[in-house]
N, C-alpha and C. Protein backbone atom coordinates (compact mmCIF):
# COMPACT_ATOMS: atom_id res chain seq x y z
N UNK A 1 81.30 102.67 79.91
CA UNK A 1 81.90 101.40 80.47
C UNK A 1 83.17 100.85 79.74
N UNK A 2 83.98 100.41 80.39
CA UNK A 2 85.43 100.20 80.15
C UNK A 2 85.36 98.69 79.33
N UNK A 3 86.35 99.16 78.22
CA UNK A 3 86.51 97.81 77.11
C UNK A 3 87.08 96.90 77.50
N UNK A 4 88.05 96.88 78.57
CA UNK A 4 88.78 95.91 78.83
C UNK A 4 88.75 95.51 80.58
N UNK A 5 88.90 94.48 80.95
CA UNK A 5 88.90 94.26 82.39
C UNK A 5 89.88 93.20 82.59
N UNK A 6 90.76 93.48 83.58
CA UNK A 6 91.93 92.71 83.96
C UNK A 6 91.91 92.46 85.54
N UNK A 7 92.42 91.25 85.83
CA UNK A 7 92.58 90.83 87.33
C UNK A 7 94.40 90.94 87.33
N UNK A 8 94.61 91.73 88.47
CA UNK A 8 96.04 91.83 88.78
C UNK A 8 96.12 90.99 90.02
N UNK A 9 97.23 89.94 90.25
CA UNK A 9 97.52 88.99 91.31
C UNK A 9 98.93 89.38 91.48
N UNK A 10 99.26 89.39 92.74
CA UNK A 10 100.72 89.47 93.30
C UNK A 10 100.70 88.30 94.23
N UNK A 11 101.53 87.25 93.71
CA UNK A 11 101.62 86.09 94.47
C UNK A 11 102.78 85.80 94.87
N UNK A 12 103.05 85.57 96.21
CA UNK A 12 104.42 85.07 96.69
C UNK A 12 104.30 85.52 98.52
N UNK A 13 104.98 86.45 98.90
CA UNK A 13 104.77 86.56 100.45
C UNK A 13 104.48 87.92 100.69
N UNK A 14 104.06 88.00 101.91
CA UNK A 14 103.58 89.42 102.55
C UNK A 14 104.18 89.34 103.89
N UNK A 15 104.25 90.73 104.16
CA UNK A 15 104.59 91.07 105.81
C UNK A 15 103.92 91.96 106.49
N UNK A 16 103.69 91.58 107.74
CA UNK A 16 102.95 92.85 108.43
C UNK A 16 103.91 93.12 109.37
N UNK A 17 104.32 94.28 109.75
CA UNK A 17 105.62 94.80 110.41
C UNK A 17 105.14 95.82 111.40
N UNK A 18 105.52 95.47 112.84
CA UNK A 18 105.30 96.49 113.74
C UNK A 18 106.56 96.97 114.59
N UNK A 19 106.64 98.28 114.68
CA UNK A 19 107.75 98.75 115.29
C UNK A 19 106.99 99.76 116.53
N UNK A 20 107.70 99.44 117.80
CA UNK A 20 107.00 100.48 118.84
C UNK A 20 107.75 100.65 120.10
N UNK A 21 107.50 101.51 120.75
CA UNK A 21 108.39 101.82 122.05
C UNK A 21 107.98 100.62 123.09
N UNK A 22 109.20 100.45 123.92
CA UNK A 22 108.88 99.64 125.01
C UNK A 22 109.79 100.06 126.07
N UNK A 23 108.85 99.84 127.17
CA UNK A 23 109.66 100.57 128.40
C UNK A 23 110.78 99.67 129.13
N UNK A 24 111.60 100.25 129.96
CA UNK A 24 112.80 99.32 130.72
C UNK A 24 111.83 98.45 131.29
N UNK A 25 110.79 98.95 132.20
CA UNK A 25 109.97 98.06 133.07
C UNK A 25 109.31 96.90 132.34
N UNK A 26 108.70 97.08 131.17
CA UNK A 26 108.38 96.05 130.13
C UNK A 26 109.24 95.00 129.86
N UNK A 27 110.56 95.52 129.49
CA UNK A 27 111.42 94.53 129.12
C UNK A 27 111.92 93.64 130.23
N UNK A 28 112.06 94.23 131.53
CA UNK A 28 112.25 93.34 132.59
C UNK A 28 111.42 92.42 132.87
N UNK A 29 109.92 92.85 132.88
CA UNK A 29 108.80 91.98 132.95
C UNK A 29 108.94 90.93 131.75
N UNK A 30 108.98 91.28 130.63
CA UNK A 30 108.75 90.11 129.70
C UNK A 30 110.44 89.43 129.87
N UNK A 31 111.20 89.52 130.26
CA UNK A 31 112.52 88.59 130.35
C UNK A 31 112.08 87.68 131.43
N UNK A 32 111.41 88.09 132.84
CA UNK A 32 111.03 87.40 133.70
C UNK A 32 109.95 86.30 133.27
N UNK A 33 108.94 86.85 132.46
CA UNK A 33 108.01 85.87 132.05
C UNK A 33 108.78 84.78 131.17
N UNK A 34 109.45 85.07 130.24
CA UNK A 34 110.27 84.14 129.30
C UNK A 34 110.92 82.94 130.00
N UNK A 35 111.78 83.66 131.21
CA UNK A 35 112.07 82.79 132.41
C UNK A 35 111.57 81.72 133.00
N UNK A 36 110.39 82.46 133.70
CA UNK A 36 109.56 81.63 134.37
C UNK A 36 108.61 80.60 133.59
N UNK A 37 108.31 80.72 132.51
CA UNK A 37 107.69 79.93 131.62
C UNK A 37 108.49 79.24 130.66
N UNK A 38 109.70 79.36 130.48
CA UNK A 38 110.63 78.79 129.81
C UNK A 38 110.11 78.71 128.22
N UNK A 39 109.83 79.76 127.91
CA UNK A 39 109.20 80.16 126.29
C UNK A 39 110.00 80.98 125.83
N UNK A 40 109.85 81.19 124.32
CA UNK A 40 110.28 82.17 123.62
C UNK A 40 109.81 83.30 123.26
N UNK A 41 110.35 84.42 122.95
CA UNK A 41 109.59 85.89 122.88
C UNK A 41 108.43 85.59 121.75
N UNK A 42 108.78 84.84 120.68
CA UNK A 42 107.65 84.68 120.07
C UNK A 42 106.38 83.71 120.53
N UNK A 43 106.70 82.91 121.40
CA UNK A 43 105.75 82.16 121.82
C UNK A 43 104.88 82.85 122.99
N UNK A 44 105.69 83.82 123.57
CA UNK A 44 105.00 84.64 124.52
C UNK A 44 104.00 85.70 123.88
N UNK A 45 104.18 86.21 122.58
CA UNK A 45 103.34 86.98 122.01
C UNK A 45 102.53 86.46 121.20
N UNK A 46 102.42 85.15 121.20
CA UNK A 46 101.26 84.32 120.63
C UNK A 46 100.35 84.01 121.48
N UNK A 47 100.69 84.20 122.90
CA UNK A 47 99.78 83.56 123.99
C UNK A 47 99.04 85.01 124.83
N UNK A 48 97.93 84.89 124.33
CA UNK A 48 97.17 86.37 124.78
C UNK A 48 96.88 86.18 126.12
N UNK A 49 96.64 85.04 126.76
CA UNK A 49 96.27 84.90 128.12
C UNK A 49 97.57 85.67 129.00
N UNK A 50 98.71 85.19 128.78
CA UNK A 50 99.92 85.30 129.57
C UNK A 50 100.12 87.12 129.11
N UNK A 51 99.90 87.58 128.06
CA UNK A 51 100.08 88.75 127.62
C UNK A 51 98.88 89.91 128.46
N UNK A 52 97.78 89.14 128.42
CA UNK A 52 96.75 90.03 129.31
C UNK A 52 96.98 89.98 130.76
N UNK A 53 97.26 88.76 131.33
CA UNK A 53 97.56 88.77 132.77
C UNK A 53 98.86 89.59 133.19
N UNK A 54 99.57 90.00 132.42
CA UNK A 54 100.69 90.64 132.71
C UNK A 54 100.68 92.29 132.29
N UNK A 55 99.52 92.53 131.72
CA UNK A 55 99.13 93.85 131.17
C UNK A 55 100.14 94.40 130.21
N UNK A 56 100.34 93.46 129.38
CA UNK A 56 101.63 93.62 128.02
C UNK A 56 100.44 93.85 126.51
N UNK A 57 101.02 94.79 126.09
CA UNK A 57 100.38 94.60 124.51
C UNK A 57 100.58 93.50 123.74
N UNK A 58 99.20 93.24 123.06
CA UNK A 58 99.57 92.46 122.03
C UNK A 58 100.41 92.98 120.80
N UNK A 59 101.32 92.15 120.16
CA UNK A 59 102.13 92.36 119.45
C UNK A 59 101.70 93.65 118.16
N UNK A 60 100.61 93.22 117.67
CA UNK A 60 100.04 94.26 116.82
C UNK A 60 99.99 95.59 117.12
N UNK A 61 99.43 95.63 118.14
CA UNK A 61 99.06 96.67 118.97
C UNK A 61 100.58 97.43 119.39
N UNK A 62 101.49 97.09 119.44
CA UNK A 62 102.46 97.97 119.98
C UNK A 62 103.36 98.55 118.79
N UNK A 63 102.73 99.43 118.08
CA UNK A 63 102.96 99.87 116.85
C UNK A 63 103.01 101.43 116.70
N UNK A 64 103.60 102.25 117.75
CA UNK A 64 103.42 103.59 117.96
C UNK A 64 104.43 104.14 117.22
N UNK A 65 105.55 103.50 116.40
CA UNK A 65 106.41 103.85 115.48
C UNK A 65 106.27 103.64 114.25
N UNK A 66 105.82 102.21 113.90
CA UNK A 66 105.53 101.89 112.36
C UNK A 66 104.33 100.55 112.42
N UNK A 67 103.44 100.67 111.54
CA UNK A 67 102.72 99.53 111.15
C UNK A 67 102.57 99.46 109.77
N UNK A 68 103.34 98.48 109.19
CA UNK A 68 103.30 98.44 107.66
C UNK A 68 102.58 97.08 107.24
N UNK A 69 101.61 96.85 106.29
CA UNK A 69 101.49 95.33 105.71
C UNK A 69 101.71 95.72 104.30
N UNK A 70 102.29 94.94 103.81
CA UNK A 70 102.83 94.85 102.42
C UNK A 70 103.29 93.52 101.68
N UNK A 71 103.43 93.41 100.41
CA UNK A 71 103.65 92.36 99.53
C UNK A 71 105.32 92.21 99.52
N UNK A 72 105.93 91.42 99.79
CA UNK A 72 107.14 91.33 99.77
C UNK A 72 107.45 91.28 98.02
N UNK A 73 108.72 92.02 97.93
CA UNK A 73 109.09 92.23 96.52
C UNK A 73 110.05 90.82 96.05
N UNK A 74 110.50 90.03 97.30
CA UNK A 74 111.23 88.85 96.96
C UNK A 74 110.25 87.65 96.49
N UNK A 75 110.55 87.01 95.50
CA UNK A 75 109.86 85.72 95.28
C UNK A 75 108.64 86.35 94.90
N UNK A 76 108.31 87.48 94.09
CA UNK A 76 106.97 87.70 93.95
C UNK A 76 106.76 87.45 92.46
N UNK A 77 105.67 87.17 91.95
CA UNK A 77 104.99 87.04 90.70
C UNK A 77 103.88 87.82 90.53
N UNK A 78 103.95 88.44 89.17
CA UNK A 78 102.89 89.42 89.13
C UNK A 78 102.22 88.80 87.75
N UNK A 79 100.80 88.35 88.05
CA UNK A 79 99.72 87.84 86.86
C UNK A 79 98.89 88.62 86.57
N UNK A 80 98.82 88.99 85.17
CA UNK A 80 97.58 89.97 84.75
C UNK A 80 96.59 88.93 84.11
N UNK A 81 95.50 88.66 84.45
CA UNK A 81 94.38 87.86 83.46
C UNK A 81 93.44 89.04 83.02
N UNK A 82 92.98 88.52 81.60
CA UNK A 82 92.01 89.25 81.02
C UNK A 82 90.74 88.63 81.48
N UNK A 83 89.87 89.22 82.12
CA UNK A 83 88.65 88.79 82.82
C UNK A 83 87.68 88.42 81.80
N UNK A 84 87.75 88.94 80.52
CA UNK A 84 86.37 88.45 79.62
C UNK A 84 87.07 87.15 78.88
N UNK A 85 88.23 87.01 78.71
CA UNK A 85 88.83 85.87 77.96
C UNK A 85 89.22 84.60 78.79
N UNK A 86 89.46 85.09 80.26
CA UNK A 86 90.49 84.04 81.10
C UNK A 86 91.89 83.98 80.50
N UNK A 87 92.36 84.75 79.76
CA UNK A 87 93.64 84.48 79.26
C UNK A 87 94.74 85.29 80.02
N UNK A 88 95.67 84.74 80.26
CA UNK A 88 96.92 85.08 81.10
C UNK A 88 97.66 86.05 80.36
N UNK A 89 97.64 87.30 80.41
CA UNK A 89 98.16 88.21 79.31
C UNK A 89 99.74 88.69 79.93
N UNK A 90 99.98 88.42 81.37
CA UNK A 90 101.44 88.59 81.63
C UNK A 90 101.57 87.73 82.87
N UNK A 91 102.54 87.17 83.07
CA UNK A 91 103.18 86.63 84.00
C UNK A 91 104.65 86.61 84.10
N UNK A 92 104.79 87.32 85.28
CA UNK A 92 106.54 87.58 85.28
C UNK A 92 107.03 87.72 86.91
N UNK A 93 108.17 87.29 87.03
CA UNK A 93 108.79 87.73 88.37
C UNK A 93 108.73 89.23 88.48
N UNK A 94 108.68 89.69 89.47
CA UNK A 94 108.58 91.14 89.81
C UNK A 94 109.93 92.01 89.25
N UNK A 95 110.93 91.40 89.62
CA UNK A 95 112.42 91.68 88.75
C UNK A 95 112.60 91.78 87.40
N UNK A 96 111.39 91.20 86.56
CA UNK A 96 112.00 90.91 85.11
C UNK A 96 110.59 91.68 84.52
N UNK A 97 109.93 92.59 85.30
CA UNK A 97 108.80 93.63 84.61
C UNK A 97 109.50 94.48 84.00
N UNK A 98 108.69 94.92 82.70
CA UNK A 98 109.49 96.09 81.95
C UNK A 98 109.91 97.25 82.54
N UNK A 99 111.27 97.68 82.12
CA UNK A 99 111.84 98.72 82.63
C UNK A 99 111.81 98.87 84.25
N UNK A 100 112.10 97.69 85.02
CA UNK A 100 111.93 97.65 86.25
C UNK A 100 112.15 98.87 87.31
N UNK A 101 113.49 99.37 86.90
CA UNK A 101 113.78 100.53 87.62
C UNK A 101 112.78 101.66 87.37
N UNK A 102 112.45 101.85 86.13
CA UNK A 102 111.68 103.04 86.03
C UNK A 102 110.35 102.84 86.26
N UNK A 103 109.93 101.40 86.73
CA UNK A 103 108.71 101.22 87.02
C UNK A 103 108.17 101.41 88.38
N UNK A 104 109.11 101.69 89.35
CA UNK A 104 108.97 102.12 90.82
C UNK A 104 108.04 103.33 90.68
N UNK A 105 107.19 103.41 91.39
CA UNK A 105 106.42 104.71 91.25
C UNK A 105 107.18 105.47 92.62
N UNK A 106 107.27 105.21 93.59
CA UNK A 106 107.87 105.93 94.86
C UNK A 106 108.64 104.53 95.66
N UNK A 107 109.71 105.18 96.21
CA UNK A 107 110.30 104.11 97.25
C UNK A 107 110.80 105.00 98.30
N UNK A 108 110.37 104.60 99.55
CA UNK A 108 110.69 105.19 100.81
C UNK A 108 111.72 104.38 101.39
N UNK A 109 112.35 104.91 102.09
CA UNK A 109 113.54 103.82 103.00
C UNK A 109 113.33 104.60 104.26
N UNK A 110 112.91 103.49 105.41
CA UNK A 110 112.67 103.61 106.58
C UNK A 110 113.65 102.89 107.42
N UNK A 111 114.97 103.74 108.22
CA UNK A 111 115.54 102.85 108.96
C UNK A 111 115.66 103.07 110.29
N UNK A 112 115.63 102.24 111.26
CA UNK A 112 115.40 102.32 112.51
C UNK A 112 116.78 102.09 113.17
N UNK A 113 117.51 103.22 113.58
CA UNK A 113 118.91 103.29 114.54
C UNK A 113 118.55 103.90 115.59
N UNK A 114 117.95 103.44 116.44
CA UNK A 114 117.75 104.37 117.90
C UNK A 114 118.92 104.36 118.72
N UNK A 115 119.04 105.09 119.52
CA UNK A 115 120.14 105.17 120.55
C UNK A 115 119.50 105.57 121.96
N UNK A 116 119.71 104.75 123.14
CA UNK A 116 119.25 105.12 124.39
C UNK A 116 117.73 104.86 124.29
N UNK A 117 117.04 104.03 123.60
CA UNK A 117 115.76 103.65 123.78
C UNK A 117 115.63 102.25 123.06
N UNK A 118 114.63 101.57 123.95
CA UNK A 118 114.61 100.11 123.64
C UNK A 118 113.41 100.04 122.51
N UNK A 119 113.18 99.43 121.74
CA UNK A 119 112.40 99.03 120.64
C UNK A 119 111.86 97.85 120.75
N UNK A 120 110.36 97.50 120.35
CA UNK A 120 109.80 96.22 120.32
C UNK A 120 109.46 96.37 118.66
N UNK A 121 109.83 94.99 118.01
CA UNK A 121 109.88 94.73 116.49
C UNK A 121 109.15 93.48 116.75
N UNK A 122 108.09 93.45 115.85
CA UNK A 122 107.47 91.83 115.49
C UNK A 122 107.12 92.03 113.95
N UNK A 123 107.16 90.84 113.29
CA UNK A 123 106.80 90.50 112.04
C UNK A 123 106.37 89.25 111.80
N UNK A 124 105.38 89.50 110.47
CA UNK A 124 104.79 87.85 110.18
C UNK A 124 105.16 87.85 108.81
N UNK A 125 105.37 86.59 108.46
CA UNK A 125 105.64 86.28 106.95
C UNK A 125 104.45 85.39 106.59
N UNK A 126 103.56 85.75 105.49
CA UNK A 126 102.50 84.90 104.88
C UNK A 126 102.80 84.97 103.83
N UNK A 127 102.08 83.64 103.02
CA UNK A 127 102.34 83.20 101.59
C UNK A 127 101.10 82.90 101.15
N UNK A 128 101.10 83.46 99.66
CA UNK A 128 99.42 83.38 99.09
C UNK A 128 99.45 84.31 98.11
N UNK A 129 98.36 85.09 97.91
CA UNK A 129 98.29 86.12 96.96
C UNK A 129 97.49 87.26 98.09
N UNK A 130 98.70 88.07 98.62
CA UNK A 130 98.49 89.14 99.28
C UNK A 130 98.11 90.09 98.80
N UNK A 131 97.94 90.33 97.58
CA UNK A 131 97.30 91.78 96.83
C UNK A 131 96.68 91.33 95.63
N UNK A 132 95.53 91.60 95.11
CA UNK A 132 94.78 91.47 94.05
C UNK A 132 94.43 92.80 93.65
N UNK A 133 93.63 92.95 92.66
CA UNK A 133 92.87 94.22 92.04
C UNK A 133 92.24 93.67 90.74
N UNK A 134 91.17 94.52 90.65
CA UNK A 134 90.56 94.63 89.28
C UNK A 134 90.74 95.78 88.67
N UNK A 135 91.21 95.90 87.16
CA UNK A 135 91.50 97.06 86.60
C UNK A 135 90.60 97.29 85.20
N UNK A 136 89.98 98.20 85.26
CA UNK A 136 88.78 98.43 84.11
C UNK A 136 89.41 99.56 83.26
N UNK A 137 89.82 99.36 81.93
CA UNK A 137 90.59 100.03 81.00
C UNK A 137 89.57 100.41 79.76
N UNK A 138 90.06 101.34 79.27
CA UNK A 138 89.30 101.81 77.65
C UNK A 138 90.63 101.15 76.71
N UNK A 139 91.59 100.82 77.09
CA UNK A 139 92.56 100.34 76.06
C UNK A 139 93.30 99.13 76.75
N UNK A 140 93.88 98.08 75.84
CA UNK A 140 94.49 97.09 76.15
C UNK A 140 95.89 97.37 77.55
N UNK A 141 95.85 96.35 78.27
CA UNK A 141 96.80 96.86 79.41
C UNK A 141 98.34 96.77 78.82
N UNK A 142 98.97 97.78 79.41
CA UNK A 142 100.35 98.04 79.09
C UNK A 142 101.16 98.05 80.37
N UNK A 143 101.92 97.11 80.14
CA UNK A 143 102.95 96.88 81.56
C UNK A 143 103.77 98.01 81.87
N UNK A 144 104.20 98.95 80.83
CA UNK A 144 105.04 100.06 81.38
C UNK A 144 103.88 101.06 82.15
N UNK A 145 102.84 101.21 82.22
CA UNK A 145 102.04 102.06 83.00
C UNK A 145 101.71 101.41 84.40
N UNK A 146 102.23 100.20 85.02
CA UNK A 146 102.14 99.70 86.04
C UNK A 146 103.33 100.16 86.92
N UNK A 147 103.00 100.62 88.17
CA UNK A 147 103.63 101.28 89.07
C UNK A 147 103.63 100.71 90.59
N UNK A 148 104.45 100.74 91.20
CA UNK A 148 104.60 100.14 92.71
C UNK A 148 105.15 101.19 93.56
N UNK A 149 104.25 101.59 94.82
CA UNK A 149 104.82 102.23 95.74
C UNK A 149 105.32 101.06 96.64
N UNK A 150 106.85 101.34 96.92
CA UNK A 150 107.40 100.41 97.94
C UNK A 150 107.93 101.16 98.99
N UNK A 151 108.04 100.32 100.24
CA UNK A 151 108.98 100.90 101.12
C UNK A 151 110.09 99.74 101.89
N UNK A 152 111.10 100.27 101.66
CA UNK A 152 112.17 99.71 102.68
C UNK A 152 112.38 99.77 103.92
N UNK A 153 112.24 98.96 104.95
CA UNK A 153 112.32 98.97 106.33
C UNK A 153 113.55 98.21 106.71
N UNK A 154 114.20 98.94 107.75
CA UNK A 154 115.24 98.01 108.18
C UNK A 154 115.17 98.31 109.88
N UNK A 155 115.36 97.30 110.78
CA UNK A 155 115.14 97.51 112.04
C UNK A 155 115.89 96.16 112.66
N UNK A 156 117.14 96.42 113.49
CA UNK A 156 117.74 95.52 113.93
C UNK A 156 118.27 94.64 113.14
N UNK A 157 118.42 93.20 112.86
CA UNK A 157 118.77 92.50 112.01
C UNK A 157 117.81 92.18 110.93
N UNK A 158 116.64 92.83 110.63
CA UNK A 158 115.77 92.66 109.78
C UNK A 158 115.46 93.55 108.85
N UNK A 159 115.43 93.29 107.31
CA UNK A 159 115.35 94.20 106.34
C UNK A 159 114.09 93.73 105.53
N UNK A 160 113.35 94.55 105.14
CA UNK A 160 112.16 94.13 104.41
C UNK A 160 111.81 95.33 103.21
N UNK A 161 111.60 94.59 102.19
CA UNK A 161 110.93 95.45 101.09
C UNK A 161 109.55 95.18 100.63
N UNK A 162 108.70 96.14 100.61
CA UNK A 162 107.38 95.45 100.53
C UNK A 162 106.65 96.73 99.68
N UNK A 163 105.81 96.17 99.01
CA UNK A 163 104.83 97.05 97.93
C UNK A 163 103.68 97.59 99.23
N UNK A 164 103.29 98.57 98.99
CA UNK A 164 102.14 98.86 99.65
C UNK A 164 101.25 99.25 98.97
N UNK A 165 101.22 99.82 97.70
CA UNK A 165 100.16 100.33 96.61
C UNK A 165 100.75 100.05 95.31
N UNK A 166 99.64 99.95 94.40
CA UNK A 166 99.83 100.02 93.00
C UNK A 166 99.18 100.97 92.21
N UNK A 167 99.68 101.69 91.36
CA UNK A 167 99.29 102.56 90.66
C UNK A 167 99.30 102.17 88.84
N UNK A 168 98.17 102.47 88.23
CA UNK A 168 98.20 102.19 86.74
C UNK A 168 97.89 103.65 86.07
N UNK A 169 98.98 103.93 85.11
CA UNK A 169 98.78 105.26 84.62
C UNK A 169 98.49 106.45 85.35
N UNK A 170 99.30 106.51 86.60
CA UNK A 170 99.20 107.59 87.47
C UNK A 170 98.11 107.52 88.29
N UNK A 171 97.29 106.42 88.22
CA UNK A 171 96.27 106.48 89.49
C UNK A 171 96.42 105.37 90.08
N UNK A 172 96.19 105.42 91.60
CA UNK A 172 96.25 104.36 92.66
C UNK A 172 95.13 103.51 92.25
N UNK A 173 95.65 101.98 92.37
CA UNK A 173 94.48 100.99 92.12
C UNK A 173 93.97 100.34 93.39
N UNK A 174 92.69 100.31 93.76
CA UNK A 174 92.39 99.74 94.87
C UNK A 174 92.65 98.33 94.99
N UNK A 175 93.05 98.04 96.31
CA UNK A 175 93.71 96.43 95.95
C UNK A 175 92.80 95.70 97.38
N UNK A 176 92.83 94.46 97.25
CA UNK A 176 92.42 93.63 98.38
C UNK A 176 93.60 92.55 98.59
N UNK A 177 93.38 91.71 99.61
CA UNK A 177 94.11 90.55 100.00
C UNK A 177 93.25 89.28 99.40
N UNK A 178 93.90 88.35 98.74
CA UNK A 178 93.11 87.48 98.33
C UNK A 178 93.04 86.12 99.47
N UNK A 179 94.11 85.63 99.47
CA UNK A 179 94.21 84.59 100.35
C UNK A 179 95.63 84.40 100.89
N UNK A 180 96.26 84.28 102.37
CA UNK A 180 97.47 84.18 102.80
C UNK A 180 97.07 83.33 103.88
N UNK A 181 98.39 82.57 104.03
CA UNK A 181 98.59 81.72 105.14
C UNK A 181 100.05 81.99 106.03
N UNK A 182 99.89 82.09 107.37
CA UNK A 182 101.10 82.39 108.14
C UNK A 182 102.14 81.43 108.05
N UNK A 183 103.48 81.81 107.67
CA UNK A 183 104.44 80.81 107.65
C UNK A 183 105.36 81.13 108.51
N UNK A 184 105.58 82.36 109.18
CA UNK A 184 106.65 82.79 110.26
C UNK A 184 106.28 83.87 110.99
N UNK A 185 106.64 83.60 112.38
CA UNK A 185 106.49 85.10 113.21
C UNK A 185 107.65 85.40 113.74
N UNK A 186 108.21 86.56 113.66
CA UNK A 186 109.47 87.09 114.80
C UNK A 186 109.02 87.87 115.57
N UNK A 187 109.74 88.30 116.65
CA UNK A 187 109.75 89.09 117.51
C UNK A 187 111.10 89.38 118.06
N UNK A 188 111.32 90.59 118.36
CA UNK A 188 112.60 90.74 118.97
C UNK A 188 112.32 92.30 119.67
N UNK A 189 113.16 92.61 120.80
CA UNK A 189 113.40 93.50 121.51
C UNK A 189 114.73 93.97 121.39
N UNK A 190 114.90 95.27 120.95
CA UNK A 190 116.32 95.66 120.67
C UNK A 190 116.53 96.85 121.73
N UNK A 191 117.59 96.49 122.43
CA UNK A 191 118.00 96.90 123.70
C UNK A 191 119.52 97.74 123.11
N UNK A 192 119.59 99.23 123.35
CA UNK A 192 120.70 99.92 123.14
C UNK A 192 121.41 100.19 124.28
């Protein structure tokens, strides 16, 4: 049995990001629907009835290139709570963590610069506690052993840096979403 139990909370923002192919025919159909209904692209992809009537995929299903959910590194607070004493043993801004540059476990860069191909992109922004975990250890928590698997993604005018996974002392930590609320939704079709 572990001698120390901690709750890890990442609080701030999260993004669900999809990137997919979209045919020229679908682009024309979408533009006609926007014009006929006098709505924005985001409003269209929130309206399941119009999407269904026009045989268009829901935004989160148009993900044949990428579908990522992760905690944003911007405005992110890391809180570590001792579950036995309820004491907060660490509360820091993500960029103030011990040896920040060395603490990144893995960082992938995904950049979408397509030519001669239409792209569909949608992203949500949510606020709350998008990632939390319970960590059971035989020794006290050591900030330097906490690592992050991060992906940077760039598509069109949008850039994201999100944490996909947490690791402690070289092992992946199982995480859950605590609670988040939608604050923003963006959709774009990129035509080259």
